[in-house]
PDB file of N, CA and C in Angstrom:
ATOM      1  N   UNK A   1     129.874  99.639  80.564  1.00  0.00           N
ATOM      2  CA  UNK A   1     129.174 100.307  80.016  1.00  0.00           C
ATOM      3  C   UNK A   1     128.392 101.165  79.942  1.00  0.00           C
ATOM      4  N   UNK A   2     128.275 102.288  79.528  1.00  0.00           N
ATOM      5  CA  UNK A   2     127.931 103.746  79.748  1.00  0.00           C
ATOM      6  C   UNK A   2     126.250 103.700  78.937  1.00  0.00           C
ATOM      7  N   UNK A   3     125.468 104.590  79.781  1.00  0.00           N
ATOM      8  CA  UNK A   3     124.384 104.558  79.366  1.00  0.00           C
ATOM      9  C   UNK A   3     123.893 104.704  78.164  1.00  0.00           C
ATOM     10  N   UNK A   4     124.832 105.653  77.339  1.00  0.00           N
ATOM     11  CA  UNK A   4     124.687 105.949  75.625  1.00  0.00           C
ATOM     12  C   UNK A   4     124.392 105.061  75.293  1.00  0.00           C
ATOM     13  N   UNK A   5     125.467 103.861  75.267  1.00  0.00           N
ATOM     14  CA  UNK A   5     125.656 102.972  74.520  1.00  0.00           C
ATOM     15  C   UNK A   5     125.322 101.391  75.053  1.00  0.00           C
ATOM     16  N   UNK A   6     124.093 101.242  75.613  1.00  0.00           N
ATOM     17  CA  UNK A   6     123.937 100.110  76.379  1.00  0.00           C
ATOM     18  C   UNK A   6     122.855  99.910  74.927  1.00  0.00           C
ATOM     19  N   UNK A   7     123.218  98.155  74.968  1.00  0.00           N
ATOM     20  CA  UNK A   7     122.604  97.286  73.969  1.00  0.00           C
ATOM     21  C   UNK A   7     121.210  97.039  74.694  1.00  0.00           C
ATOM     22  N   UNK A   8     121.166  96.879  76.303  1.00  0.00           N
ATOM     23  CA  UNK A   8     119.579  96.874  76.940  1.00  0.00           C
ATOM     24  C   UNK A   8     119.245  97.348  77.207  1.00  0.00           C
ATOM     25  N   UNK A   9     117.840  97.622  77.695  1.00  0.00           N
ATOM     26  CA  UNK A   9     117.045  98.411  78.622  1.00  0.00           C
ATOM     27  C   UNK A   9     117.142  97.767  79.887  1.00  0.00           C
ATOM     28  N   UNK A  10     117.311  98.477  80.989  1.00  0.00           N
ATOM     29  CA  UNK A  10     117.901  98.075  82.330  1.00  0.00           C
ATOM     30  C   UNK A  10     116.459  98.341  83.416  1.00  0.00           C
ATOM     31  N   UNK A  11     115.810  98.095  83.753  1.00  0.00           N
ATOM     32  CA  UNK A  11     114.953  97.875  84.967  1.00  0.00           C
ATOM     33  C   UNK A  11     115.561  97.393  86.325  1.00  0.00           C
ATOM     34  N   UNK A  12     115.535  98.585  87.421  1.00  0.00           N
ATOM     35  CA  UNK A  12     115.665  98.227  88.558  1.00  0.00           C
ATOM     36  C   UNK A  12     114.614  98.079  89.197  1.00  0.00           C
ATOM     37  N   UNK A  13     114.576  96.367  90.062  1.00  0.00           N
ATOM     38  CA  UNK A  13     113.160  95.939  90.430  1.00  0.00           C
ATOM     39  C   UNK A  13     113.410  96.623  92.010  1.00  0.00           C
ATOM     40  N   UNK A  14     113.365  97.122  92.380  1.00  0.00           N
ATOM     41  CA  UNK A  14     113.604  97.810  93.649  1.00  0.00           C
ATOM     42  C   UNK A  14     113.435  99.369  93.977  1.00  0.00           C
ATOM     43  N   UNK A  15     112.683  99.577  95.433  1.00  0.00           N
ATOM     44  CA  UNK A  15     112.787 100.752  95.320  1.00  0.00           C
ATOM     45  C   UNK A  15     113.965 101.306  95.952  1.00  0.00           C
ATOM     46  N   UNK A  16     114.728 100.513  96.204  1.00  0.00           N
ATOM     47  CA  UNK A  16     116.060 101.180  97.078  1.00  0.00           C
ATOM     48  C   UNK A  16     117.344 102.304  96.831  1.00  0.00           C
ATOM     49  N   UNK A  17     117.257 103.304  97.963  1.00  0.00           N
ATOM     50  CA  UNK A  17     117.980 104.251  97.456  1.00  0.00           C
ATOM     51  C   UNK A  17     119.385 103.986  96.558  1.00  0.00           C
ATOM     52  N   UNK A  18     119.730 103.354  97.513  1.00  0.00           N
ATOM     53  CA  UNK A  18     120.818 102.718  97.483  1.00  0.00           C
ATOM     54  C   UNK A  18     121.666 102.385  95.924  1.00  0.00           C
ATOM     55  N   UNK A  19     120.993 100.991  95.726  1.00  0.00           N
ATOM     56  CA  UNK A  19     120.594 100.291  94.510  1.00  0.00           C
ATOM     57  C   UNK A  19     120.715 101.779  93.324  1.00  0.00           C
ATOM     58  N   UNK A  20     119.450 102.426  93.828  1.00  0.00           N
ATOM     59  CA  UNK A  20     119.572 103.212  92.285  1.00  0.00           C
ATOM     60  C   UNK A  20     120.910 104.276  92.248  1.00  0.00           C
ATOM     61  N   UNK A  21     121.893 104.641  93.430  1.00  0.00           N
ATOM     62  CA  UNK A  21     122.625 105.194  93.225  1.00  0.00           C
ATOM     63  C   UNK A  21     123.680 104.519  92.388  1.00  0.00           C
ATOM     64  N   UNK A  22     123.685 103.310  93.159  1.00  0.00           N
ATOM     65  CA  UNK A  22     125.080 102.179  92.435  1.00  0.00           C
ATOM     66  C   UNK A  22     125.214 102.554  90.957  1.00  0.00           C
ATOM     67  N   UNK A  23     123.873 102.732  90.568  1.00  0.00           N
ATOM     68  CA  UNK A  23     123.446 102.132  88.915  1.00  0.00           C
ATOM     69  C   UNK A  23     123.735 103.662  88.196  1.00  0.00           C
ATOM     70  N   UNK A  24     123.037 104.819  88.852  1.00  0.00           N
ATOM     71  CA  UNK A  24     123.147 105.356  88.410  1.00  0.00           C
ATOM     72  C   UNK A  24     124.969 106.313  88.844  1.00  0.00           C
ATOM     73  N   UNK A  25     125.474 105.944  89.764  1.00  0.00           N
ATOM     74  CA  UNK A  25     126.796 106.029  89.538  1.00  0.00           C
ATOM     75  C   UNK A  25     127.933 105.846  88.474  1.00  0.00           C
ATOM     76  N   UNK A  26     127.374 104.355  88.196  1.00  0.00           N
ATOM     77  CA  UNK A  26     127.808 103.609  87.029  1.00  0.00           C
ATOM     78  C   UNK A  26     127.589 103.610  85.841  1.00  0.00           C
ATOM     79  N   UNK A  27     126.827 105.348  85.488  1.00  0.00           N
ATOM     80  CA  UNK A  27     126.318 106.190  84.636  1.00  0.00           C
ATOM     81  C   UNK A  27     125.368 105.362  83.752  1.00  0.00           C
ATOM     82  N   UNK A  28     124.881 104.068  84.371  1.00  0.00           N
ATOM     83  CA  UNK A  28     123.303 103.350  83.508  1.00  0.00           C
ATOM     84  C   UNK A  28     122.204 104.128  83.264  1.00  0.00           C
ATOM     85  N   UNK A  29     121.450 104.087  82.617  1.00  0.00           N
ATOM     86  CA  UNK A  29     119.969 104.558  82.181  1.00  0.00           C
ATOM     87  C   UNK A  29     119.142 103.783  82.674  1.00  0.00           C
ATOM     88  N   UNK A  30     118.256 103.862  83.620  1.00  0.00           N
ATOM     89  CA  UNK A  30     117.631 102.472  83.710  1.00  0.00           C
ATOM     90  C   UNK A  30     116.308 103.141  84.370  1.00  0.00           C
ATOM     91  N   UNK A  31     115.018 102.181  84.276  1.00  0.00           N
ATOM     92  CA  UNK A  31     113.821 102.495  84.448  1.00  0.00           C
ATOM     93  C   UNK A  31     113.470 101.749  86.289  1.00  0.00           C
ATOM     94  N   UNK A  32     113.190 101.889  87.149  1.00  0.00           N
ATOM     95  CA  UNK A  32     112.359 101.663  88.224  1.00  0.00           C
ATOM     96  C   UNK A  32     111.152 100.830  88.224  1.00  0.00           C
ATOM     97  N   UNK A  33     111.166  99.893  88.479  1.00  0.00           N
ATOM     98  CA  UNK A  33     109.870  99.390  88.668  1.00  0.00           C
ATOM     99  C   UNK A  33     109.892  98.300  90.119  1.00  0.00           C
ATOM    100  N   UNK A  34     109.012  98.319  90.618  1.00  0.00           N
ATOM    101  CA  UNK A  34     108.666  98.204  91.760  1.00  0.00           C
ATOM    102  C   UNK A  34     107.534  96.434  91.790  1.00  0.00           C
ATOM    103  N   UNK A  35     107.540  95.657  92.778  1.00  0.00           N
ATOM    104  CA  UNK A  35     107.554  94.336  92.634  1.00  0.00           C
ATOM    105  C   UNK A  35     106.014  94.499  93.377  1.00  0.00           C
ATOM    106  N   UNK A  36     106.001  95.228  94.464  1.00  0.00           N
ATOM    107  CA  UNK A  36     104.364  94.921  95.157  1.00  0.00           C
ATOM    108  C   UNK A  36     104.210  94.104  95.509  1.00  0.00           C
ATOM    109  N   UNK A  37     105.092  92.904  96.114  1.00  0.00           N
ATOM    110  CA  UNK A  37     104.450  91.569  96.690  1.00  0.00           C
ATOM    111  C   UNK A  37     104.325  91.934  98.400  1.00  0.00           C
ATOM    112  N   UNK A  38     104.174  91.056  99.231  1.00  0.00           N
ATOM    113  CA  UNK A  38     103.979  91.159 100.470  1.00  0.00           C
ATOM    114  C   UNK A  38     105.213  90.325 101.247  1.00  0.00           C
ATOM    115  N   UNK A  39     106.009  91.483 101.717  1.00  0.00           N
ATOM    116  CA  UNK A  39     107.388  90.275 101.996  1.00  0.00           C
ATOM    117  C   UNK A  39     107.049  89.548 103.103  1.00  0.00           C
ATOM    118  N   UNK A  40     106.422  90.236 103.947  1.00  0.00           N
ATOM    119  CA  UNK A  40     106.239  89.858 104.989  1.00  0.00           C
ATOM    120  C   UNK A  40     105.415  88.079 105.112  1.00  0.00           C
ATOM    121  N   UNK A  41     104.347  87.868 104.056  1.00  0.00           N
ATOM    122  CA  UNK A  41     104.577  86.533 103.859  1.00  0.00           C
ATOM    123  C   UNK A  41     104.859  85.392 103.433  1.00  0.00           C
ATOM    124  N   UNK A  42     106.304  86.094 102.640  1.00  0.00           N
ATOM    125  CA  UNK A  42     107.304  84.905 102.760  1.00  0.00           C
ATOM    126  C   UNK A  42     108.234  84.623 103.506  1.00  0.00           C
ATOM    127  N   UNK A  43     108.594  83.801 104.116  1.00  0.00           N
ATOM    128  CA  UNK A  43     108.873  83.121 104.930  1.00  0.00           C
ATOM    129  C   UNK A  43     109.983  82.073 105.068  1.00  0.00           C
ATOM    130  N   UNK A  44     111.295  81.889 105.327  1.00  0.00           N
ATOM    131  CA  UNK A  44     112.193  80.871 105.334  1.00  0.00           C
ATOM    132  C   UNK A  44     112.912  80.891 106.504  1.00  0.00           C
ATOM    133  N   UNK A  45     113.247  79.604 106.532  1.00  0.00           N
ATOM    134  CA  UNK A  45     114.366  79.682 108.169  1.00  0.00           C
ATOM    135  C   UNK A  45     115.673  80.180 108.132  1.00  0.00           C
ATOM    136  N   UNK A  46     116.079  79.638 106.522  1.00  0.00           N
ATOM    137  CA  UNK A  46     117.368  79.998 106.574  1.00  0.00           C
ATOM    138  C   UNK A  46     117.545  81.486 105.736  1.00  0.00           C
ATOM    139  N   UNK A  47     118.088  82.727 106.460  1.00  0.00           N
ATOM    140  CA  UNK A  47     117.952  84.082 106.357  1.00  0.00           C
ATOM    141  C   UNK A  47     118.601  84.052 104.519  1.00  0.00           C
ATOM    142  N   UNK A  48     119.593  82.875 104.227  1.00  0.00           N
ATOM    143  CA  UNK A  48     120.068  83.151 103.083  1.00  0.00           C
ATOM    144  C   UNK A  48     119.278  82.175 102.241  1.00  0.00           C
ATOM    145  N   UNK A  49     118.552  81.445 102.004  1.00  0.00           N
ATOM    146  CA  UNK A  49     117.060  81.012 101.336  1.00  0.00           C
ATOM    147  C   UNK A  49     115.956  82.315 101.653  1.00  0.00           C
ATOM    148  N   UNK A  50     115.881  82.983 102.558  1.00  0.00           N
ATOM    149  CA  UNK A  50     114.970  84.015 102.194  1.00  0.00           C
ATOM    150  C   UNK A  50     115.380  85.196 101.378  1.00  0.00           C
ATOM    151  N   UNK A  51     116.798  85.649 101.403  1.00  0.00           N
ATOM    152  CA  UNK A  51     116.932  86.412 100.355  1.00  0.00           C
ATOM    153  C   UNK A  51     116.825  86.045  98.901  1.00  0.00           C
ATOM    154  N   UNK A  52     117.341  84.928  98.772  1.00  0.00           N
ATOM    155  CA  UNK A  52     117.488  84.423  97.555  1.00  0.00           C
ATOM    156  C   UNK A  52     115.541  84.149  96.661  1.00  0.00           C
ATOM    157  N   UNK A  53     114.915  83.744  97.819  1.00  0.00           N
ATOM    158  CA  UNK A  53     113.214  83.971  97.764  1.00  0.00           C
ATOM    159  C   UNK A  53     112.603  84.958  97.266  1.00  0.00           C
ATOM    160  N   UNK A  54     113.168  86.017  98.251  1.00  0.00           N
ATOM    161  CA  UNK A  54     112.548  86.999  98.047  1.00  0.00           C
ATOM    162  C   UNK A  54     112.465  87.860  96.920  1.00  0.00           C
ATOM    163  N   UNK A  55     113.988  87.531  96.641  1.00  0.00           N
ATOM    164  CA  UNK A  55     114.714  88.470  95.224  1.00  0.00           C
ATOM    165  C   UNK A  55     114.022  88.179  94.268  1.00  0.00           C
ATOM    166  N   UNK A  56     114.175  86.470  94.351  1.00  0.00           N
ATOM    167  CA  UNK A  56     113.107  85.901  92.929  1.00  0.00           C
ATOM    168  C   UNK A  56     111.774  85.969  92.834  1.00  0.00           C
ATOM    169  N   UNK A  57     111.235  86.489  93.911  1.00  0.00           N
ATOM    170  CA  UNK A  57     109.598  86.668  94.127  1.00  0.00           C
ATOM    171  C   UNK A  57     109.142  87.888  93.285  1.00  0.00           C
ATOM    172  N   UNK A  58     110.364  88.640  93.945  1.00  0.00           N
ATOM    173  CA  UNK A  58     110.372  90.135  93.076  1.00  0.00           C
ATOM    174  C   UNK A  58     110.744  90.550  91.797  1.00  0.00           C
ATOM    175  N   UNK A  59     111.650  89.686  91.236  1.00  0.00           N
ATOM    176  CA  UNK A  59     111.720  89.318  89.872  1.00  0.00           C
ATOM    177  C   UNK A  59     110.457  88.847  88.849  1.00  0.00           C
ATOM    178  N   UNK A  60     109.853  87.629  89.600  1.00  0.00           N
ATOM    179  CA  UNK A  60     108.718  87.378  89.126  1.00  0.00           C
ATOM    180  C   UNK A  60     107.678  87.718  89.140  1.00  0.00           C
ATOM    181  N   UNK A  61     107.811  88.529  90.171  1.00  0.00           N
ATOM    182  CA  UNK A  61     106.001  89.753  89.713  1.00  0.00           C
ATOM    183  C   UNK A  61     106.280  90.850  88.937  1.00  0.00           C
ATOM    184  N   UNK A  62     107.746  91.419  89.115  1.00  0.00           N
ATOM    185  CA  UNK A  62     107.827  92.308  87.766  1.00  0.00           C
ATOM    186  C   UNK A  62     107.425  91.736  86.204  1.00  0.00           C
ATOM    187  N   UNK A  63     108.066  90.154  86.112  1.00  0.00           N
ATOM    188  CA  UNK A  63     108.088  89.984  84.864  1.00  0.00           C
ATOM    189  C   UNK A  63     106.753  89.466  84.614  1.00  0.00           C
ATOM    190  N   UNK A  64     105.890  89.710  85.404  1.00  0.00           N
ATOM    191  CA  UNK A  64     104.558  89.438  85.271  1.00  0.00           C
ATOM    192  C   UNK A  64     103.984  91.006  84.349  1.00  0.00           C
ATOM    193  N   UNK A  65     104.295  91.461  85.340  1.00  0.00           N
ATOM    194  CA  UNK A  65     103.539  93.069  84.945  1.00  0.00           C
ATOM    195  C   UNK A  65     104.399  93.254  83.410  1.00  0.00           C
ATOM    196  N   UNK A  66     105.477  93.375  83.009  1.00  0.00           N
ATOM    197  CA  UNK A  66     106.135  92.983  82.138  1.00  0.00           C
ATOM    198  C   UNK A  66     105.626  92.670  81.187  1.00  0.00           C
ATOM    199  N   UNK A  67     104.903  91.672  80.990  1.00  0.00           N
ATOM    200  CA  UNK A  67     104.354  90.679  80.334  1.00  0.00           C
ATOM    201  C   UNK A  67     103.440  91.545  79.049  1.00  0.00           C
ATOM    202  N   UNK A  68     101.968  92.036  80.693  1.00  0.00           N
ATOM    203  CA  UNK A  68     101.504  92.558  80.403  1.00  0.00           C
ATOM    204  C   UNK A  68     101.636  94.016  79.314  1.00  0.00           C
ATOM    205  N   UNK A  69     102.894  94.985  79.523  1.00  0.00           N
ATOM    206  CA  UNK A  69     102.974  96.024  79.025  1.00  0.00           C
ATOM    207  C   UNK A  69     103.976  95.900  77.921  1.00  0.00           C
ATOM    208  N   UNK A  70     104.737  94.660  77.719  1.00  0.00           N
ATOM    209  CA  UNK A  70     105.731  94.249  76.295  1.00  0.00           C
ATOM    210  C   UNK A  70     104.370  93.906  75.523  1.00  0.00           C
ATOM    211  N   UNK A  71     102.828  93.542  75.954  1.00  0.00           N
ATOM    212  CA  UNK A  71     102.341  93.302  74.669  1.00  0.00           C
ATOM    213  C   UNK A  71     101.211  94.728  74.093  1.00  0.00           C
ATOM    214  N   UNK A  72     102.152  96.386  75.443  1.00  0.00           N
ATOM    215  CA  UNK A  72     101.259  97.197  74.575  1.00  0.00           C
ATOM    216  C   UNK A  72     102.509  98.259  73.946  1.00  0.00           C
ATOM    217  N   UNK A  73     103.926  98.202  74.604  1.00  0.00           N
ATOM    218  CA  UNK A  73     104.675  98.676  74.165  1.00  0.00           C
ATOM    219  C   UNK A  73     105.983  97.897  73.764  1.00  0.00           C
ATOM    220  N   UNK A  74     106.344  96.978  72.580  1.00  0.00           N
ATOM    221  CA  UNK A  74     107.486  96.498  72.151  1.00  0.00           C
ATOM    222  C   UNK A  74     108.640  97.512  72.266  1.00  0.00           C
ATOM    223  N   UNK A  75     109.417  96.814  72.443  1.00  0.00           N
ATOM    224  CA  UNK A  75     110.760  97.821  72.758  1.00  0.00           C
ATOM    225  C   UNK A  75     111.863  96.597  71.910  1.00  0.00           C
ATOM    226  N   UNK A  76     112.532  97.208  71.080  1.00  0.00           N
ATOM    227  CA  UNK A  76     113.511  96.354  70.081  1.00  0.00           C
ATOM    228  C   UNK A  76     114.890  96.197  71.089  1.00  0.00           C
ATOM    229  N   UNK A  77     115.238  96.657  72.527  1.00  0.00           N
ATOM    230  CA  UNK A  77     116.262  96.186  73.300  1.00  0.00           C
ATOM    231  C   UNK A  77     115.385  95.324  74.280  1.00  0.00           C
ATOM    232  N   UNK A  78     116.944  94.206  74.219  1.00  0.00           N
ATOM    233  CA  UNK A  78     116.113  93.183  75.328  1.00  0.00           C
ATOM    234  C   UNK A  78     116.572  93.851  77.211  1.00  0.00           C
ATOM    235  N   UNK A  79     115.851  93.407  77.247  1.00  0.00           N
ATOM    236  CA  UNK A  79     115.562  94.071  78.492  1.00  0.00           C
ATOM    237  C   UNK A  79     116.013  93.035  80.193  1.00  0.00           C
ATOM    238  N   UNK A  80     117.050  93.787  80.712  1.00  0.00           N
ATOM    239  CA  UNK A  80     118.062  93.000  81.593  1.00  0.00           C
ATOM    240  C   UNK A  80     117.293  93.545  83.144  1.00  0.00           C
ATOM    241  N   UNK A  81     116.520  92.763  83.875  1.00  0.00           N
ATOM    242  CA  UNK A  81     115.872  93.441  84.937  1.00  0.00           C
ATOM    243  C   UNK A  81     116.937  92.612  86.083  1.00  0.00           C
ATOM    244  N   UNK A  82     116.786  93.869  87.210  1.00  0.00           N
ATOM    245  CA  UNK A  82     117.452  93.546  88.767  1.00  0.00           C
ATOM    246  C   UNK A  82     116.473  93.650  89.728  1.00  0.00           C
ATOM    247  N   UNK A  83     116.719  92.924  90.256  1.00  0.00           N
ATOM    248  CA  UNK A  83     115.800  92.717  91.388  1.00  0.00           C
ATOM    249  C   UNK A  83     116.580  92.251  92.589  1.00  0.00           C
ATOM    250  N   UNK A  84     116.663  92.502  94.031  1.00  0.00           N
ATOM    251  CA  UNK A  84     117.806  92.480  94.887  1.00  0.00           C
ATOM    252  C   UNK A  84     116.588  91.770  96.151  1.00  0.00           C
ATOM    253  N   UNK A  85     117.795  91.610  97.081  1.00  0.00           N
ATOM    254  CA  UNK A  85     117.109  91.640  99.015  1.00  0.00           C
ATOM    255  C   UNK A  85     117.970  91.593  99.316  1.00  0.00           C
ATOM    256  N   UNK A  86     118.059  92.104 100.564  1.00  0.00           N
ATOM    257  CA  UNK A  86     119.246  92.284 101.776  1.00  0.00           C
ATOM    258  C   UNK A  86     118.301  91.751 102.680  1.00  0.00           C
ATOM    259  N   UNK A  87     119.447  91.057 103.853  1.00  0.00           N
ATOM    260  CA  UNK A  87     118.854  91.359 105.084  1.00  0.00           C
ATOM    261  C   UNK A  87     119.653  90.917 105.767  1.00  0.00           C
ATOM    262  N   UNK A  88     119.687  91.245 107.224  1.00  0.00           N
ATOM    263  CA  UNK A  88     121.031  90.847 108.235  1.00  0.00           C
ATOM    264  C   UNK A  88     120.483  89.673 109.195  1.00  0.00           C
ATOM    265  N   UNK A  89     121.334  89.098 109.502  1.00  0.00           N
ATOM    266  CA  UNK A  89     121.298  87.641 110.813  1.00  0.00           C
ATOM    267  C   UNK A  89     122.241  87.847 111.193  1.00  0.00           C
ATOM    268  N   UNK A  90     122.614  87.013 112.586  1.00  0.00           N
ATOM    269  CA  UNK A  90     123.573  86.828 113.242  1.00  0.00           C
ATOM    270  C   UNK A  90     124.507  86.366 113.191  1.00  0.00           C
ATOM    271  N   UNK A  91     125.938  86.868 113.328  1.00  0.00           N
ATOM    272  CA  UNK A  91     126.900  85.799 112.857  1.00  0.00           C
ATOM    273  C   UNK A  91     126.840  84.706 113.680  1.00  0.00           C
ATOM    274  N   UNK A  92     127.357  83.632 112.592  1.00  0.00           N
ATOM    275  CA  UNK A  92     127.203  82.753 113.429  1.00  0.00           C
ATOM    276  C   UNK A  92     128.551  82.039 113.304  1.00  0.00           C
ATOM    277  N   UNK A  93     128.655  80.672 113.768  1.00  0.00           N
ATOM    278  CA  UNK A  93     130.024  79.872 113.808  1.00  0.00           C
ATOM    279  C   UNK A  93     130.027  79.007 112.139  1.00  0.00           C
ATOM    280  N   UNK A  94     130.802  78.618 112.006  1.00  0.00           N
ATOM    281  CA  UNK A  94     131.052  77.526 111.163  1.00  0.00           C
ATOM    282  C   UNK A  94     129.896  76.132 110.707  1.00  0.00           C
ATOM    283  N   UNK A  95     129.398  75.947 111.538  1.00  0.00           N
ATOM    284  CA  UNK A  95     127.893  74.939 111.778  1.00  0.00           C
ATOM    285  C   UNK A  95     126.856  75.256 112.371  1.00  0.00           C
ATOM    286  N   UNK A  96     126.510  77.115 112.005  1.00  0.00           N
ATOM    287  CA  UNK A  96     125.233  77.217 111.923  1.00  0.00           C
ATOM    288  C   UNK A  96     125.371  77.526 113.627  1.00  0.00           C
ATOM    289  N   UNK A  97     125.883  77.078 114.768  1.00  0.00           N
ATOM    290  CA  UNK A  97     125.195  77.531 116.200  1.00  0.00           C
ATOM    291  C   UNK A  97     126.455  78.654 116.487  1.00  0.00           C
ATOM    292  N   UNK A  98     125.782  79.673 116.945  1.00  0.00           N
ATOM    293  CA  UNK A  98     126.226  81.221 117.608  1.00  0.00           C
ATOM    294  C   UNK A  98     127.561  80.478 118.869  1.00  0.00           C
ATOM    295  N   UNK A  99     128.536  80.916 118.357  1.00  0.00           N
ATOM    296  CA  UNK A  99     129.686  81.308 119.630  1.00  0.00           C
ATOM    297  C   UNK A  99     129.286  82.285 120.443  1.00  0.00           C
ATOM    298  N   UNK A 100     129.830  81.427 122.037  1.00  0.00           N
ATOM    299  CA  UNK A 100     130.002  82.833 122.879  1.00  0.00           C
ATOM    300  C   UNK A 100     129.903  84.023 122.645  1.00  0.00           C
ATOM    301  N   UNK A 101     131.017  84.743 122.324  1.00  0.00           N
ATOM    302  CA  UNK A 101     131.238  85.840 121.661  1.00  0.00           C
ATOM    303  C   UNK A 101     130.134  86.381 120.528  1.00  0.00           C
ATOM    304  N   UNK A 102     129.747  85.744 120.292  1.00  0.00           N
ATOM    305  CA  UNK A 102     128.344  86.194 118.820  1.00  0.00           C
ATOM    306  C   UNK A 102     126.937  85.897 119.514  1.00  0.00           C
ATOM    307  N   UNK A 103     127.108  85.439 120.369  1.00  0.00           N
ATOM    308  CA  UNK A 103     125.494  85.494 121.025  1.00  0.00           C
ATOM    309  C   UNK A 103     124.663  86.826 121.004  1.00  0.00           C
ATOM    310  N   UNK A 104     123.800  86.762 121.066  1.00  0.00           N
ATOM    311  CA  UNK A 104     123.210  88.395 120.546  1.00  0.00           C
ATOM    312  C   UNK A 104     122.931  88.576 122.783  1.00  0.00           C
ATOM    313  N   UNK A 105     123.420  89.483 123.367  1.00  0.00           N
ATOM    314  CA  UNK A 105     123.061  89.437 125.031  1.00  0.00           C
ATOM    315  C   UNK A 105     121.977  89.956 125.179  1.00  0.00           C
ATOM    316  N   UNK A 106     121.155  89.494 126.346  1.00  0.00           N
ATOM    317  CA  UNK A 106     119.942  90.576 126.322  1.00  0.00           C
ATOM    318  C   UNK A 106     119.587  91.726 126.765  1.00  0.00           C
ATOM    319  N   UNK A 107     121.097  92.498 126.808  1.00  0.00           N
ATOM    320  CA  UNK A 107     121.469  94.046 127.366  1.00  0.00           C
ATOM    321  C   UNK A 107     121.831  94.816 125.863  1.00  0.00           C
ATOM    322  N   UNK A 108     121.605  93.972 125.036  1.00  0.00           N
ATOM    323  CA  UNK A 108     121.979  94.432 123.844  1.00  0.00           C
ATOM    324  C   UNK A 108     123.604  94.239 123.303  1.00  0.00           C
ATOM    325  N   UNK A 109     124.034  94.911 124.133  1.00  0.00           N
ATOM    326  CA  UNK A 109     125.483  95.220 123.670  1.00  0.00           C
ATOM    327  C   UNK A 109     126.442  93.903 122.604  1.00  0.00           C
ATOM    328  N   UNK A 110     127.308  94.218 122.437  1.00  0.00           N
ATOM    329  CA  UNK A 110     128.248  93.202 120.940  1.00  0.00           C
ATOM    330  C   UNK A 110     126.820  92.782 120.507  1.00  0.00           C
ATOM    331  N   UNK A 111     126.268  93.317 119.724  1.00  0.00           N
ATOM    332  CA  UNK A 111     125.504  92.533 118.925  1.00  0.00           C
ATOM    333  C   UNK A 111     126.292  92.843 117.694  1.00  0.00           C
ATOM    334  N   UNK A 112     126.515  91.460 116.958  1.00  0.00           N
ATOM    335  CA  UNK A 112     127.181  91.107 116.068  1.00  0.00           C
ATOM    336  C   UNK A 112     125.905  90.499 114.654  1.00  0.00           C
ATOM    337  N   UNK A 113     125.858  91.505 113.289  1.00  0.00           N
ATOM    338  CA  UNK A 113     125.436  90.787 112.561  1.00  0.00           C
ATOM    339  C   UNK A 113     125.925  90.786 111.499  1.00  0.00           C
ATOM    340  N   UNK A 114     125.658  90.071 110.357  1.00  0.00           N
ATOM    341  CA  UNK A 114     125.811  89.694 109.103  1.00  0.00           C
ATOM    342  C   UNK A 114     124.972  90.625 107.866  1.00  0.00           C
ATOM    343  N   UNK A 115     125.865  91.076 106.745  1.00  0.00           N
ATOM    344  CA  UNK A 115     124.690  91.292 105.619  1.00  0.00           C
ATOM    345  C   UNK A 115     124.810  89.965 104.598  1.00  0.00           C
ATOM    346  N   UNK A 116     122.817  89.757 104.583  1.00  0.00           N
ATOM    347  CA  UNK A 116     122.991  88.797 103.142  1.00  0.00           C
ATOM    348  C   UNK A 116     122.413  89.193 102.121  1.00  0.00           C
ATOM    349  N   UNK A 117     123.057  89.233 100.710  1.00  0.00           N
ATOM    350  CA  UNK A 117     122.069  89.840  99.547  1.00  0.00           C
ATOM    351  C   UNK A 117     121.962  88.695  98.657  1.00  0.00           C
ATOM    352  N   UNK A 118     121.260  88.764  98.132  1.00  0.00           N
ATOM    353  CA  UNK A 118     120.551  88.089  96.672  1.00  0.00           C
ATOM    354  C   UNK A 118     120.154  89.353  96.011  1.00  0.00           C
ATOM    355  N   UNK A 119     120.776  88.794  94.464  1.00  0.00           N
ATOM    356  CA  UNK A 119     120.374  89.573  92.755  1.00  0.00           C
ATOM    357  C   UNK A 119     119.524  88.261  92.274  1.00  0.00           C
ATOM    358  N   UNK A 120     118.513  88.664  92.017  1.00  0.00           N
ATOM    359  CA  UNK A 120     117.995  87.749  90.907  1.00  0.00           C
ATOM    360  C   UNK A 120     118.119  88.557  89.468  1.00  0.00           C
ATOM    361  N   UNK A 121     118.813  88.271  88.503  1.00  0.00           N
ATOM    362  CA  UNK A 121     118.596  88.957  87.064  1.00  0.00           C
ATOM    363  C   UNK A 121     117.832  87.872  86.217  1.00  0.00           C
TER     364      UNK A 121
END
């Protein structure tokens, strides 16, 4: 759905240039709002849990900001908030332990990572 006929106000809760580009190329009109959270203070052992927790924390922080703004500026359109996080983790075997070729070597060759994404709407 193109921006000019969207029944929603879209807020991108990210400073990511790549995420901005994706929405813009899709033709959406959106507002950028950052969460301003301390991502370093949020830790999880599992990288999948970390990106979910960070995306949700960003969304929660922006929702708090929006509640303040919404009291000042009422908007007739429903709002969609898109908050996300991406992380990189070493590729792991099916049971979670690295296999021999996947293990990170001290000399830095054969580094194999997977990209983990989470989106909170």
